[in-house]
């Protein structure tokens, strides 16, 4: 599966995330979180941080992203500047979510494809 598009953030104090294996509460057991205040992108599995990469976000700037999930590997590419990779399990054919907390996000050109 591939999810791609562009995203911008209204401020650098909130956070936004992509969640996988989303339940009825729209939270996922595997979450990739954009954390502008902490200047990073981090991944969480069942609430525990498993990896992170540094990244300086700017409010109002548009970033291109591409998330590729191939079997048990997930790779997020942001603005062709940074990549975050992890092993993930049971995300195929399960619900996913996009959410923002304490900020507004704008997502454009969202494309979802499966191979």
PDB file of N, CA and C in Angstrom:
ATOM      1  N   UNK A   1       0.848  -1.165   0.000  1.00  0.00           N
ATOM      2  CA  UNK A   1       0.000   0.000   0.000  1.00  0.00           C
ATOM      3  C   UNK A   1       0.895   1.230   0.000  1.00  0.00           C
ATOM      4  N   UNK A   2       0.425   2.274  -0.672  1.00  0.00           N
ATOM      5  CA  UNK A   2       1.134   3.544  -0.675  1.00  0.00           C
ATOM      6  C   UNK A   2       0.120   4.659  -0.429  1.00  0.00           C
ATOM      7  N   UNK A   3       0.451   5.541   0.506  1.00  0.00           N
ATOM      8  CA  UNK A   3      -0.346   6.721   0.794  1.00  0.00           C
ATOM      9  C   UNK A   3       0.569   7.910   0.536  1.00  0.00           C
ATOM     10  N   UNK A   4       0.127   8.824  -0.319  1.00  0.00           N
ATOM     11  CA  UNK A   4       0.968   9.975  -0.627  1.00  0.00           C
ATOM     12  C   UNK A   4       0.118  11.223  -0.751  1.00  0.00           C
ATOM     13  N   UNK A   5       0.780  12.363  -0.680  1.00  0.00           N
ATOM     14  CA  UNK A   5       0.106  13.644  -0.803  1.00  0.00           C
ATOM     15  C   UNK A   5       0.993  14.739  -0.261  1.00  0.00           C
ATOM     16  N   UNK A   6       0.354  15.833   0.140  1.00  0.00           N
ATOM     17  CA  UNK A   6       1.082  16.921   0.779  1.00  0.00           C
ATOM     18  C   UNK A   6       0.311  17.334   2.029  1.00  0.00           C
ATOM     19  N   UNK A   7       1.049  17.896   2.979  1.00  0.00           N
ATOM     20  CA  UNK A   7       0.452  18.277   4.254  1.00  0.00           C
ATOM     21  C   UNK A   7       1.092  19.567   4.746  1.00  0.00           C
ATOM     22  N   UNK A   8       0.279  20.410   5.356  1.00  0.00           N
ATOM     23  CA  UNK A   8       0.809  21.605   6.016  1.00  0.00           C
ATOM     24  C   UNK A   8       0.156  21.723   7.387  1.00  0.00           C
ATOM     25  N   UNK A   9       0.849  22.412   8.287  1.00  0.00           N
ATOM     26  CA  UNK A   9       0.433  22.525   9.677  1.00  0.00           C
ATOM     27  C   UNK A   9       0.195  23.990  10.027  1.00  0.00           C
ATOM     28  N   UNK A  10      -0.863  24.276  10.769  1.00  0.00           N
ATOM     29  CA  UNK A  10      -1.202  25.656  11.114  1.00  0.00           C
ATOM     30  C   UNK A  10      -0.258  26.255  12.150  1.00  0.00           C
ATOM     31  N   UNK A  11       0.365  25.415  12.952  1.00  0.00           N
ATOM     32  CA  UNK A  11       1.286  25.897  13.983  1.00  0.00           C
ATOM     33  C   UNK A  11       2.312  24.814  14.285  1.00  0.00           C
ATOM     34  N   UNK A  12       3.234  25.129  15.165  1.00  0.00           N
ATOM     35  CA  UNK A  12       4.251  24.132  15.527  1.00  0.00           C
ATOM     36  C   UNK A  12       4.127  23.711  16.986  1.00  0.00           C
ATOM     37  N   UNK A  13       2.951  23.929  17.576  1.00  0.00           N
ATOM     38  CA  UNK A  13       2.760  23.529  18.973  1.00  0.00           C
ATOM     39  C   UNK A  13       1.892  22.287  19.110  1.00  0.00           C
ATOM     40  N   UNK A  14       1.099  21.960  18.095  1.00  0.00           N
ATOM     41  CA  UNK A  14       0.266  20.769  18.136  1.00  0.00           C
ATOM     42  C   UNK A  14       1.001  19.587  17.522  1.00  0.00           C
ATOM     43  N   UNK A  15       0.241  18.561  17.162  1.00  0.00           N
ATOM     44  CA  UNK A  15       0.823  17.411  16.469  1.00  0.00           C
ATOM     45  C   UNK A  15      -0.228  16.779  15.569  1.00  0.00           C
ATOM     46  N   UNK A  16       0.251  16.023  14.599  1.00  0.00           N
ATOM     47  CA  UNK A  16      -0.628  15.309  13.675  1.00  0.00           C
ATOM     48  C   UNK A  16      -0.106  13.891  13.545  1.00  0.00           C
ATOM     49  N   UNK A  17      -0.981  12.967  13.152  1.00  0.00           N
ATOM     50  CA  UNK A  17      -0.536  11.575  13.084  1.00  0.00           C
ATOM     51  C   UNK A  17      -1.291  10.771  12.047  1.00  0.00           C
ATOM     52  N   UNK A  18      -0.627   9.730  11.601  1.00  0.00           N
ATOM     53  CA  UNK A  18      -1.216   8.666  10.793  1.00  0.00           C
ATOM     54  C   UNK A  18      -1.294   7.456  11.708  1.00  0.00           C
ATOM     55  N   UNK A  19      -2.472   6.878  11.863  1.00  0.00           N
ATOM     56  CA  UNK A  19      -2.652   5.721  12.736  1.00  0.00           C
ATOM     57  C   UNK A  19      -3.092   4.513  11.939  1.00  0.00           C
ATOM     58  N   UNK A  20      -2.605   3.361  12.308  1.00  0.00           N
ATOM     59  CA  UNK A  20      -2.944   2.119  11.618  1.00  0.00           C
ATOM     60  C   UNK A  20      -3.506   1.112  12.608  1.00  0.00           C
ATOM     61  N   UNK A  21      -4.304   0.195  12.100  1.00  0.00           N
ATOM     62  CA  UNK A  21      -5.086  -0.726  12.920  1.00  0.00           C
ATOM     63  C   UNK A  21      -6.029   0.089  13.787  1.00  0.00           C
ATOM     64  N   UNK A  22      -6.617   1.129  13.188  1.00  0.00           N
ATOM     65  CA  UNK A  22      -7.465   2.071  13.930  1.00  0.00           C
ATOM     66  C   UNK A  22      -8.705   1.373  14.474  1.00  0.00           C
ATOM     67  N   UNK A  23      -9.024   1.668  15.721  1.00  0.00           N
ATOM     68  CA  UNK A  23     -10.228   1.146  16.352  1.00  0.00           C
ATOM     69  C   UNK A  23     -11.349   2.156  16.275  1.00  0.00           C
ATOM     70  N   UNK A  24     -12.399   1.930  17.001  1.00  0.00           N
ATOM     71  CA  UNK A  24     -13.552   2.825  16.975  1.00  0.00           C
ATOM     72  C   UNK A  24     -13.215   4.207  17.532  1.00  0.00           C
ATOM     73  N   UNK A  25     -12.155   4.309  18.337  1.00  0.00           N
ATOM     74  CA  UNK A  25     -11.753   5.612  18.873  1.00  0.00           C
ATOM     75  C   UNK A  25     -10.869   6.379  17.889  1.00  0.00           C
ATOM     76  N   UNK A  26     -10.640   5.820  16.701  1.00  0.00           N
ATOM     77  CA  UNK A  26      -9.832   6.419  15.633  1.00  0.00           C
ATOM     78  C   UNK A  26      -8.352   6.489  15.963  1.00  0.00           C
ATOM     79  N   UNK A  27      -7.930   5.857  17.018  1.00  0.00           N
ATOM     80  CA  UNK A  27      -6.513   5.741  17.319  1.00  0.00           C
ATOM     81  C   UNK A  27      -6.013   4.420  16.762  1.00  0.00           C
ATOM     82  N   UNK A  28      -4.759   4.372  16.402  1.00  0.00           N
ATOM     83  CA  UNK A  28      -4.191   3.145  15.868  1.00  0.00           C
ATOM     84  C   UNK A  28      -3.224   2.522  16.845  1.00  0.00           C
ATOM     85  N   UNK A  29      -2.951   1.243  16.645  1.00  0.00           N
ATOM     86  CA  UNK A  29      -1.953   0.604  17.487  1.00  0.00           C
ATOM     87  C   UNK A  29      -0.549   0.939  16.988  1.00  0.00           C
ATOM     88  N   UNK A  30      -0.422   1.327  15.717  1.00  0.00           N
ATOM     89  CA  UNK A  30       0.846   1.799  15.160  1.00  0.00           C
ATOM     90  C   UNK A  30       0.602   3.217  14.679  1.00  0.00           C
ATOM     91  N   UNK A  31       1.351   4.173  15.208  1.00  0.00           N
ATOM     92  CA  UNK A  31       1.124   5.580  14.902  1.00  0.00           C
ATOM     93  C   UNK A  31       2.430   6.239  14.484  1.00  0.00           C
ATOM     94  N   UNK A  32       2.369   6.974  13.378  1.00  0.00           N
ATOM     95  CA  UNK A  32       3.463   7.849  12.977  1.00  0.00           C
ATOM     96  C   UNK A  32       3.003   9.256  13.310  1.00  0.00           C
ATOM     97  N   UNK A  33       3.756   9.940  14.170  1.00  0.00           N
ATOM     98  CA  UNK A  33       3.334  11.243  14.658  1.00  0.00           C
ATOM     99  C   UNK A  33       4.306  12.332  14.198  1.00  0.00           C
ATOM    100  N   UNK A  34       3.748  13.397  13.615  1.00  0.00           N
ATOM    101  CA  UNK A  34       4.508  14.591  13.281  1.00  0.00           C
ATOM    102  C   UNK A  34       4.475  15.468  14.528  1.00  0.00           C
ATOM    103  N   UNK A  35       5.629  15.714  15.119  1.00  0.00           N
ATOM    104  CA  UNK A  35       5.726  16.438  16.388  1.00  0.00           C
ATOM    105  C   UNK A  35       6.585  17.699  16.206  1.00  0.00           C
ATOM    106  N   UNK A  36       5.992  18.765  15.640  1.00  0.00           N
ATOM    107  CA  UNK A  36       6.776  19.976  15.353  1.00  0.00           C
ATOM    108  C   UNK A  36       7.448  20.601  16.577  1.00  0.00           C
ATOM    109  N   UNK A  37       6.801  20.634  17.724  1.00  0.00           N
ATOM    110  CA  UNK A  37       7.393  21.251  18.916  1.00  0.00           C
ATOM    111  C   UNK A  37       8.656  20.510  19.353  1.00  0.00           C
ATOM    112  N   UNK A  38       8.670  19.207  19.155  1.00  0.00           N
ATOM    113  CA  UNK A  38       9.837  18.398  19.512  1.00  0.00           C
ATOM    114  C   UNK A  38      10.833  18.295  18.357  1.00  0.00           C
ATOM    115  N   UNK A  39      10.495  18.907  17.214  1.00  0.00           N
ATOM    116  CA  UNK A  39      11.345  18.894  16.013  1.00  0.00           C
ATOM    117  C   UNK A  39      11.692  17.472  15.593  1.00  0.00           C
ATOM    118  N   UNK A  40      10.618  16.664  15.437  1.00  0.00           N
ATOM    119  CA  UNK A  40      10.863  15.280  15.041  1.00  0.00           C
ATOM    120  C   UNK A  40       9.604  14.629  14.481  1.00  0.00           C
ATOM    121  N   UNK A  41       9.820  13.477  13.894  1.00  0.00           N
ATOM    122  CA  UNK A  41       8.765  12.556  13.490  1.00  0.00           C
ATOM    123  C   UNK A  41       9.044  11.292  14.286  1.00  0.00           C
ATOM    124  N   UNK A  42       8.037  10.754  14.942  1.00  0.00           N
ATOM    125  CA  UNK A  42       8.242   9.581  15.788  1.00  0.00           C
ATOM    126  C   UNK A  42       7.199   8.524  15.483  1.00  0.00           C
ATOM    127  N   UNK A  43       7.558   7.272  15.712  1.00  0.00           N
ATOM    128  CA  UNK A  43       6.626   6.159  15.525  1.00  0.00           C
ATOM    129  C   UNK A  43       6.401   5.482  16.871  1.00  0.00           C
ATOM    130  N   UNK A  44       5.148   5.077  17.076  1.00  0.00           N
ATOM    131  CA  UNK A  44       4.738   4.455  18.330  1.00  0.00           C
ATOM    132  C   UNK A  44       4.013   3.154  18.032  1.00  0.00           C
ATOM    133  N   UNK A  45       4.255   2.150  18.846  1.00  0.00           N
ATOM    134  CA  UNK A  45       3.533   0.887  18.756  1.00  0.00           C
ATOM    135  C   UNK A  45       2.844   0.670  20.092  1.00  0.00           C
ATOM    136  N   UNK A  46       1.522   0.641  20.076  1.00  0.00           N
ATOM    137  CA  UNK A  46       0.727   0.490  21.301  1.00  0.00           C
ATOM    138  C   UNK A  46       1.141   1.488  22.372  1.00  0.00           C
ATOM    139  N   UNK A  47       1.409   2.734  21.949  1.00  0.00           N
ATOM    140  CA  UNK A  47       1.723   3.803  22.886  1.00  0.00           C
ATOM    141  C   UNK A  47       3.185   3.955  23.254  1.00  0.00           C
ATOM    142  N   UNK A  48       4.031   3.001  22.890  1.00  0.00           N
ATOM    143  CA  UNK A  48       5.457   3.088  23.215  1.00  0.00           C
ATOM    144  C   UNK A  48       6.240   3.552  21.999  1.00  0.00           C
ATOM    145  N   UNK A  49       7.090   4.556  22.201  1.00  0.00           N
ATOM    146  CA  UNK A  49       7.908   5.046  21.096  1.00  0.00           C
ATOM    147  C   UNK A  49       8.886   3.963  20.657  1.00  0.00           C
ATOM    148  N   UNK A  50       8.951   3.755  19.337  1.00  0.00           N
ATOM    149  CA  UNK A  50       9.868   2.740  18.824  1.00  0.00           C
ATOM    150  C   UNK A  50      10.976   3.323  17.963  1.00  0.00           C
ATOM    151  N   UNK A  51      10.758   4.487  17.380  1.00  0.00           N
ATOM    152  CA  UNK A  51      11.813   5.130  16.602  1.00  0.00           C
ATOM    153  C   UNK A  51      11.445   6.582  16.352  1.00  0.00           C
ATOM    154  N   UNK A  52      12.448   7.365  15.972  1.00  0.00           N
ATOM    155  CA  UNK A  52      12.202   8.774  15.657  1.00  0.00           C
ATOM    156  C   UNK A  52      13.321   9.293  14.770  1.00  0.00           C
ATOM    157  N   UNK A  53      13.017  10.363  14.051  1.00  0.00           N
ATOM    158  CA  UNK A  53      14.017  11.066  13.250  1.00  0.00           C
ATOM    159  C   UNK A  53      13.813  12.567  13.460  1.00  0.00           C
ATOM    160  N   UNK A  54      14.891  13.334  13.493  1.00  0.00           N
ATOM    161  CA  UNK A  54      14.743  14.775  13.660  1.00  0.00           C
ATOM    162  C   UNK A  54      14.215  15.432  12.384  1.00  0.00           C
ATOM    163  N   UNK A  55      13.395  16.472  12.557  1.00  0.00           N
ATOM    164  CA  UNK A  55      12.908  17.245  11.421  1.00  0.00           C
ATOM    165  C   UNK A  55      12.380  18.579  11.928  1.00  0.00           C
ATOM    166  N   UNK A  56      12.814  19.667  11.311  1.00  0.00           N
ATOM    167  CA  UNK A  56      12.343  21.006  11.676  1.00  0.00           C
ATOM    168  C   UNK A  56      11.149  21.394  10.814  1.00  0.00           C
ATOM    169  N   UNK A  57      10.001  21.538  11.421  1.00  0.00           N
ATOM    170  CA  UNK A  57       8.776  21.935  10.732  1.00  0.00           C
ATOM    171  C   UNK A  57       8.608  23.447  10.792  1.00  0.00           C
ATOM    172  N   UNK A  58       7.917  23.995   9.793  1.00  0.00           N
ATOM    173  CA  UNK A  58       7.547  25.402   9.781  1.00  0.00           C
ATOM    174  C   UNK A  58       6.046  25.492   9.601  1.00  0.00           C
ATOM    175  N   UNK A  59       5.398  26.338  10.385  1.00  0.00           N
ATOM    176  CA  UNK A  59       3.955  26.542  10.239  1.00  0.00           C
ATOM    177  C   UNK A  59       3.658  27.118   8.865  1.00  0.00           C
ATOM    178  N   UNK A  60       2.624  26.566   8.215  1.00  0.00           N
ATOM    179  CA  UNK A  60       2.191  27.057   6.912  1.00  0.00           C
ATOM    180  C   UNK A  60       2.960  26.515   5.723  1.00  0.00           C
ATOM    181  N   UNK A  61       4.080  25.874   5.940  1.00  0.00           N
ATOM    182  CA  UNK A  61       4.861  25.307   4.846  1.00  0.00           C
ATOM    183  C   UNK A  61       4.240  23.974   4.425  1.00  0.00           C
ATOM    184  N   UNK A  62       4.240  23.708   3.126  1.00  0.00           N
ATOM    185  CA  UNK A  62       3.680  22.458   2.607  1.00  0.00           C
ATOM    186  C   UNK A  62       4.793  21.434   2.429  1.00  0.00           C
ATOM    187  N   UNK A  63       4.530  20.232   2.931  1.00  0.00           N
ATOM    188  CA  UNK A  63       5.489  19.127   2.850  1.00  0.00           C
ATOM    189  C   UNK A  63       4.876  17.987   2.050  1.00  0.00           C
ATOM    190  N   UNK A  64       5.637  17.427   1.125  1.00  0.00           N
ATOM    191  CA  UNK A  64       5.165  16.236   0.411  1.00  0.00           C
ATOM    192  C   UNK A  64       5.514  15.013   1.249  1.00  0.00           C
ATOM    193  N   UNK A  65       4.642  14.026   1.200  1.00  0.00           N
ATOM    194  CA  UNK A  65       4.925  12.797   1.941  1.00  0.00           C
ATOM    195  C   UNK A  65       4.518  11.586   1.118  1.00  0.00           C
ATOM    196  N   UNK A  66       5.161  10.493   1.427  1.00  0.00           N
ATOM    197  CA  UNK A  66       4.838   9.213   0.819  1.00  0.00           C
ATOM    198  C   UNK A  66       5.093   8.142   1.872  1.00  0.00           C
ATOM    199  N   UNK A  67       4.087   7.340   2.140  1.00  0.00           N
ATOM    200  CA  UNK A  67       4.212   6.242   3.093  1.00  0.00           C
ATOM    201  C   UNK A  67       3.997   4.950   2.325  1.00  0.00           C
ATOM    202  N   UNK A  68       4.998   4.101   2.322  1.00  0.00           N
ATOM    203  CA  UNK A  68       4.926   2.817   1.634  1.00  0.00           C
ATOM    204  C   UNK A  68       4.925   1.712   2.679  1.00  0.00           C
ATOM    205  N   UNK A  69       3.931   0.835   2.585  1.00  0.00           N
ATOM    206  CA  UNK A  69       3.867  -0.323   3.479  1.00  0.00           C
ATOM    207  C   UNK A  69       3.940  -1.562   2.608  1.00  0.00           C
ATOM    208  N   UNK A  70       4.969  -2.361   2.833  1.00  0.00           N
ATOM    209  CA  UNK A  70       5.195  -3.580   2.053  1.00  0.00           C
ATOM    210  C   UNK A  70       5.368  -4.733   3.036  1.00  0.00           C
ATOM    211  N   UNK A  71       4.351  -5.574   3.106  1.00  0.00           N
ATOM    212  CA  UNK A  71       4.319  -6.654   4.093  1.00  0.00           C
ATOM    213  C   UNK A  71       4.498  -6.081   5.488  1.00  0.00           C
ATOM    214  N   UNK A  72       5.637  -6.337   6.138  1.00  0.00           N
ATOM    215  CA  UNK A  72       5.811  -5.868   7.516  1.00  0.00           C
ATOM    216  C   UNK A  72       6.746  -4.657   7.615  1.00  0.00           C
ATOM    217  N   UNK A  73       7.012  -3.985   6.501  1.00  0.00           N
ATOM    218  CA  UNK A  73       7.887  -2.812   6.507  1.00  0.00           C
ATOM    219  C   UNK A  73       7.080  -1.567   6.162  1.00  0.00           C
ATOM    220  N   UNK A  74       7.238  -0.511   6.966  1.00  0.00           N
ATOM    221  CA  UNK A  74       6.625   0.785   6.678  1.00  0.00           C
ATOM    222  C   UNK A  74       7.747   1.803   6.535  1.00  0.00           C
ATOM    223  N   UNK A  75       7.705   2.586   5.461  1.00  0.00           N
ATOM    224  CA  UNK A  75       8.702   3.629   5.232  1.00  0.00           C
ATOM    225  C   UNK A  75       7.990   4.924   4.885  1.00  0.00           C
ATOM    226  N   UNK A  76       8.211   5.952   5.697  1.00  0.00           N
ATOM    227  CA  UNK A  76       7.651   7.273   5.463  1.00  0.00           C
ATOM    228  C   UNK A  76       8.768   8.166   4.933  1.00  0.00           C
ATOM    229  N   UNK A  77       8.487   8.843   3.822  1.00  0.00           N
ATOM    230  CA  UNK A  77       9.421   9.803   3.245  1.00  0.00           C
ATOM    231  C   UNK A  77       8.755  11.174   3.320  1.00  0.00           C
ATOM    232  N   UNK A  78       9.464  12.171   3.855  1.00  0.00           N
ATOM    233  CA  UNK A  78       8.907  13.505   3.988  1.00  0.00           C
ATOM    234  C   UNK A  78       9.806  14.492   3.252  1.00  0.00           C
ATOM    235  N   UNK A  79       9.228  15.132   2.237  1.00  0.00           N
ATOM    236  CA  UNK A  79       9.888  16.189   1.470  1.00  0.00           C
ATOM    237  C   UNK A  79      11.201  15.738   0.834  1.00  0.00           C
ATOM    238  N   UNK A  80      11.358  14.467   0.598  1.00  0.00           N
ATOM    239  CA  UNK A  80      12.608  13.919   0.071  1.00  0.00           C
ATOM    240  C   UNK A  80      13.813  14.334   0.908  1.00  0.00           C
ATOM    241  N   UNK A  81      13.568  14.615   2.192  1.00  0.00           N
ATOM    242  CA  UNK A  81      14.640  15.024   3.096  1.00  0.00           C
ATOM    243  C   UNK A  81      14.896  14.020   4.201  1.00  0.00           C
ATOM    244  N   UNK A  82      13.864  13.280   4.594  1.00  0.00           N
ATOM    245  CA  UNK A  82      13.998  12.394   5.740  1.00  0.00           C
ATOM    246  C   UNK A  82      13.156  11.135   5.503  1.00  0.00           C
ATOM    247  N   UNK A  83      13.624  10.036   6.072  1.00  0.00           N
ATOM    248  CA  UNK A  83      12.883   8.776   5.983  1.00  0.00           C
ATOM    249  C   UNK A  83      12.802   8.156   7.372  1.00  0.00           C
ATOM    250  N   UNK A  84      11.642   7.599   7.679  1.00  0.00           N
ATOM    251  CA  UNK A  84      11.423   6.897   8.940  1.00  0.00           C
ATOM    252  C   UNK A  84      10.941   5.501   8.566  1.00  0.00           C
ATOM    253  N   UNK A  85      11.640   4.474   9.000  1.00  0.00           N
ATOM    254  CA  UNK A  85      11.247   3.105   8.673  1.00  0.00           C
ATOM    255  C   UNK A  85      11.065   2.289   9.938  1.00  0.00           C
ATOM    256  N   UNK A  86      10.139   1.333   9.840  1.00  0.00           N
ATOM    257  CA  UNK A  86       9.843   0.441  10.964  1.00  0.00           C
ATOM    258  C   UNK A  86       9.266  -0.862  10.459  1.00  0.00           C
ATOM    259  N   UNK A  87       9.311  -1.830  11.310  1.00  0.00           N
ATOM    260  CA  UNK A  87       8.547  -3.060  11.083  1.00  0.00           C
ATOM    261  C   UNK A  87       7.165  -2.833  11.663  1.00  0.00           C
ATOM    262  N   UNK A  88       6.152  -3.204  10.914  1.00  0.00           N
ATOM    263  CA  UNK A  88       4.770  -3.115  11.383  1.00  0.00           C
ATOM    264  C   UNK A  88       4.062  -4.409  11.002  1.00  0.00           C
ATOM    265  N   UNK A  89       3.116  -4.791  11.778  1.00  0.00           N
ATOM    266  CA  UNK A  89       2.424  -6.055  11.534  1.00  0.00           C
ATOM    267  C   UNK A  89       0.925  -5.825  11.501  1.00  0.00           C
ATOM    268  N   UNK A  90       0.246  -6.586  10.701  1.00  0.00           N
ATOM    269  CA  UNK A  90      -1.215  -6.594  10.597  1.00  0.00           C
ATOM    270  C   UNK A  90      -1.825  -5.250  10.214  1.00  0.00           C
ATOM    271  N   UNK A  91      -1.152  -4.490   9.355  1.00  0.00           N
ATOM    272  CA  UNK A  91      -1.751  -3.233   8.933  1.00  0.00           C
ATOM    273  C   UNK A  91      -2.496  -3.354   7.604  1.00  0.00           C
ATOM    274  N   UNK A  92      -2.168  -4.365   6.806  1.00  0.00           N
ATOM    275  CA  UNK A  92      -2.886  -4.546   5.550  1.00  0.00           C
ATOM    276  C   UNK A  92      -4.344  -4.859   5.830  1.00  0.00           C
ATOM    277  N   UNK A  93      -5.205  -4.245   5.038  1.00  0.00           N
ATOM    278  CA  UNK A  93      -6.653  -4.478   5.104  1.00  0.00           C
ATOM    279  C   UNK A  93      -7.286  -4.056   6.426  1.00  0.00           C
ATOM    280  N   UNK A  94      -6.602  -3.262   7.226  1.00  0.00           N
ATOM    281  CA  UNK A  94      -7.185  -2.736   8.457  1.00  0.00           C
ATOM    282  C   UNK A  94      -7.366  -1.229   8.316  1.00  0.00           C
ATOM    283  N   UNK A  95      -8.250  -0.668   9.110  1.00  0.00           N
ATOM    284  CA  UNK A  95      -8.544   0.762   9.046  1.00  0.00           C
ATOM    285  C   UNK A  95      -7.326   1.595   9.432  1.00  0.00           C
ATOM    286  N   UNK A  96      -7.240   2.780   8.851  1.00  0.00           N
ATOM    287  CA  UNK A  96      -6.196   3.729   9.219  1.00  0.00           C
ATOM    288  C   UNK A  96      -6.840   5.085   9.409  1.00  0.00           C
ATOM    289  N   UNK A  97      -6.119   5.994  10.044  1.00  0.00           N
ATOM    290  CA  UNK A  97      -6.677   7.309  10.343  1.00  0.00           C
ATOM    291  C   UNK A  97      -5.630   8.394  10.144  1.00  0.00           C
ATOM    292  N   UNK A  98      -6.126   9.603   9.981  1.00  0.00           N
ATOM    293  CA  UNK A  98      -5.300  10.803   9.925  1.00  0.00           C
ATOM    294  C   UNK A  98      -5.914  11.766  10.922  1.00  0.00           C
ATOM    295  N   UNK A  99      -5.112  12.277  11.850  1.00  0.00           N
ATOM    296  CA  UNK A  99      -5.691  13.127  12.890  1.00  0.00           C
ATOM    297  C   UNK A  99      -4.750  14.262  13.258  1.00  0.00           C
ATOM    298  N   UNK A 100      -5.334  15.321  13.799  1.00  0.00           N
ATOM    299  CA  UNK A 100      -4.568  16.472  14.267  1.00  0.00           C
ATOM    300  C   UNK A 100      -5.020  16.814  15.677  1.00  0.00           C
ATOM    301  N   UNK A 101      -4.078  17.189  16.522  1.00  0.00           N
ATOM    302  CA  UNK A 101      -4.362  17.602  17.890  1.00  0.00           C
ATOM    303  C   UNK A 101      -3.746  18.980  18.122  1.00  0.00           C
ATOM    304  N   UNK A 102      -4.573  19.941  18.521  1.00  0.00           N
ATOM    305  CA  UNK A 102      -4.149  21.303  18.832  1.00  0.00           C
ATOM    306  C   UNK A 102      -3.518  22.023  17.643  1.00  0.00           C
ATOM    307  N   UNK A 103      -3.941  21.647  16.445  1.00  0.00           N
ATOM    308  CA  UNK A 103      -3.531  22.326  15.221  1.00  0.00           C
ATOM    309  C   UNK A 103      -4.502  21.951  14.113  1.00  0.00           C
ATOM    310  N   UNK A 104      -4.499  22.746  13.063  1.00  0.00           N
ATOM    311  CA  UNK A 104      -5.230  22.397  11.850  1.00  0.00           C
ATOM    312  C   UNK A 104      -4.212  21.912  10.840  1.00  0.00           C
ATOM    313  N   UNK A 105      -4.609  20.908  10.081  1.00  0.00           N
ATOM    314  CA  UNK A 105      -3.757  20.434   8.998  1.00  0.00           C
ATOM    315  C   UNK A 105      -4.526  20.575   7.691  1.00  0.00           C
ATOM    316  N   UNK A 106      -3.789  20.765   6.626  1.00  0.00           N
ATOM    317  CA  UNK A 106      -4.368  20.774   5.292  1.00  0.00           C
ATOM    318  C   UNK A 106      -3.659  19.669   4.521  1.00  0.00           C
ATOM    319  N   UNK A 107      -4.440  18.751   3.975  1.00  0.00           N
ATOM    320  CA  UNK A 107      -3.905  17.644   3.193  1.00  0.00           C
ATOM    321  C   UNK A 107      -4.408  17.807   1.770  1.00  0.00           C
ATOM    322  N   UNK A 108      -3.498  17.771   0.812  1.00  0.00           N
ATOM    323  CA  UNK A 108      -3.854  17.885  -0.597  1.00  0.00           C
ATOM    324  C   UNK A 108      -3.309  16.702  -1.377  1.00  0.00           C
ATOM    325  N   UNK A 109      -3.945  16.444  -2.497  1.00  0.00           N
ATOM    326  CA  UNK A 109      -3.495  15.399  -3.439  1.00  0.00           C
ATOM    327  C   UNK A 109      -3.334  14.041  -2.772  1.00  0.00           C
ATOM    328  N   UNK A 110      -4.207  13.721  -1.844  1.00  0.00           N
ATOM    329  CA  UNK A 110      -4.133  12.444  -1.149  1.00  0.00           C
ATOM    330  C   UNK A 110      -4.410  11.310  -2.127  1.00  0.00           C
ATOM    331  N   UNK A 111      -3.487  10.372  -2.204  1.00  0.00           N
ATOM    332  CA  UNK A 111      -3.627   9.207  -3.074  1.00  0.00           C
ATOM    333  C   UNK A 111      -3.336   7.948  -2.280  1.00  0.00           C
ATOM    334  N   UNK A 112      -4.181   6.970  -2.471  1.00  0.00           N
ATOM    335  CA  UNK A 112      -3.992   5.680  -1.808  1.00  0.00           C
ATOM    336  C   UNK A 112      -3.988   4.622  -2.895  1.00  0.00           C
ATOM    337  N   UNK A 113      -2.954   3.820  -2.912  1.00  0.00           N
ATOM    338  CA  UNK A 113      -2.879   2.765  -3.921  1.00  0.00           C
ATOM    339  C   UNK A 113      -2.375   1.476  -3.290  1.00  0.00           C
ATOM    340  N   UNK A 114      -2.761   0.389  -3.884  1.00  0.00           N
ATOM    341  CA  UNK A 114      -2.318  -0.939  -3.430  1.00  0.00           C
ATOM    342  C   UNK A 114      -1.715  -1.673  -4.606  1.00  0.00           C
ATOM    343  N   UNK A 115      -0.724  -2.495  -4.322  1.00  0.00           N
ATOM    344  CA  UNK A 115      -0.147  -3.284  -5.396  1.00  0.00           C
ATOM    345  C   UNK A 115      -0.422  -4.731  -5.160  1.00  0.00           C
TER     346      UNK A 115
END
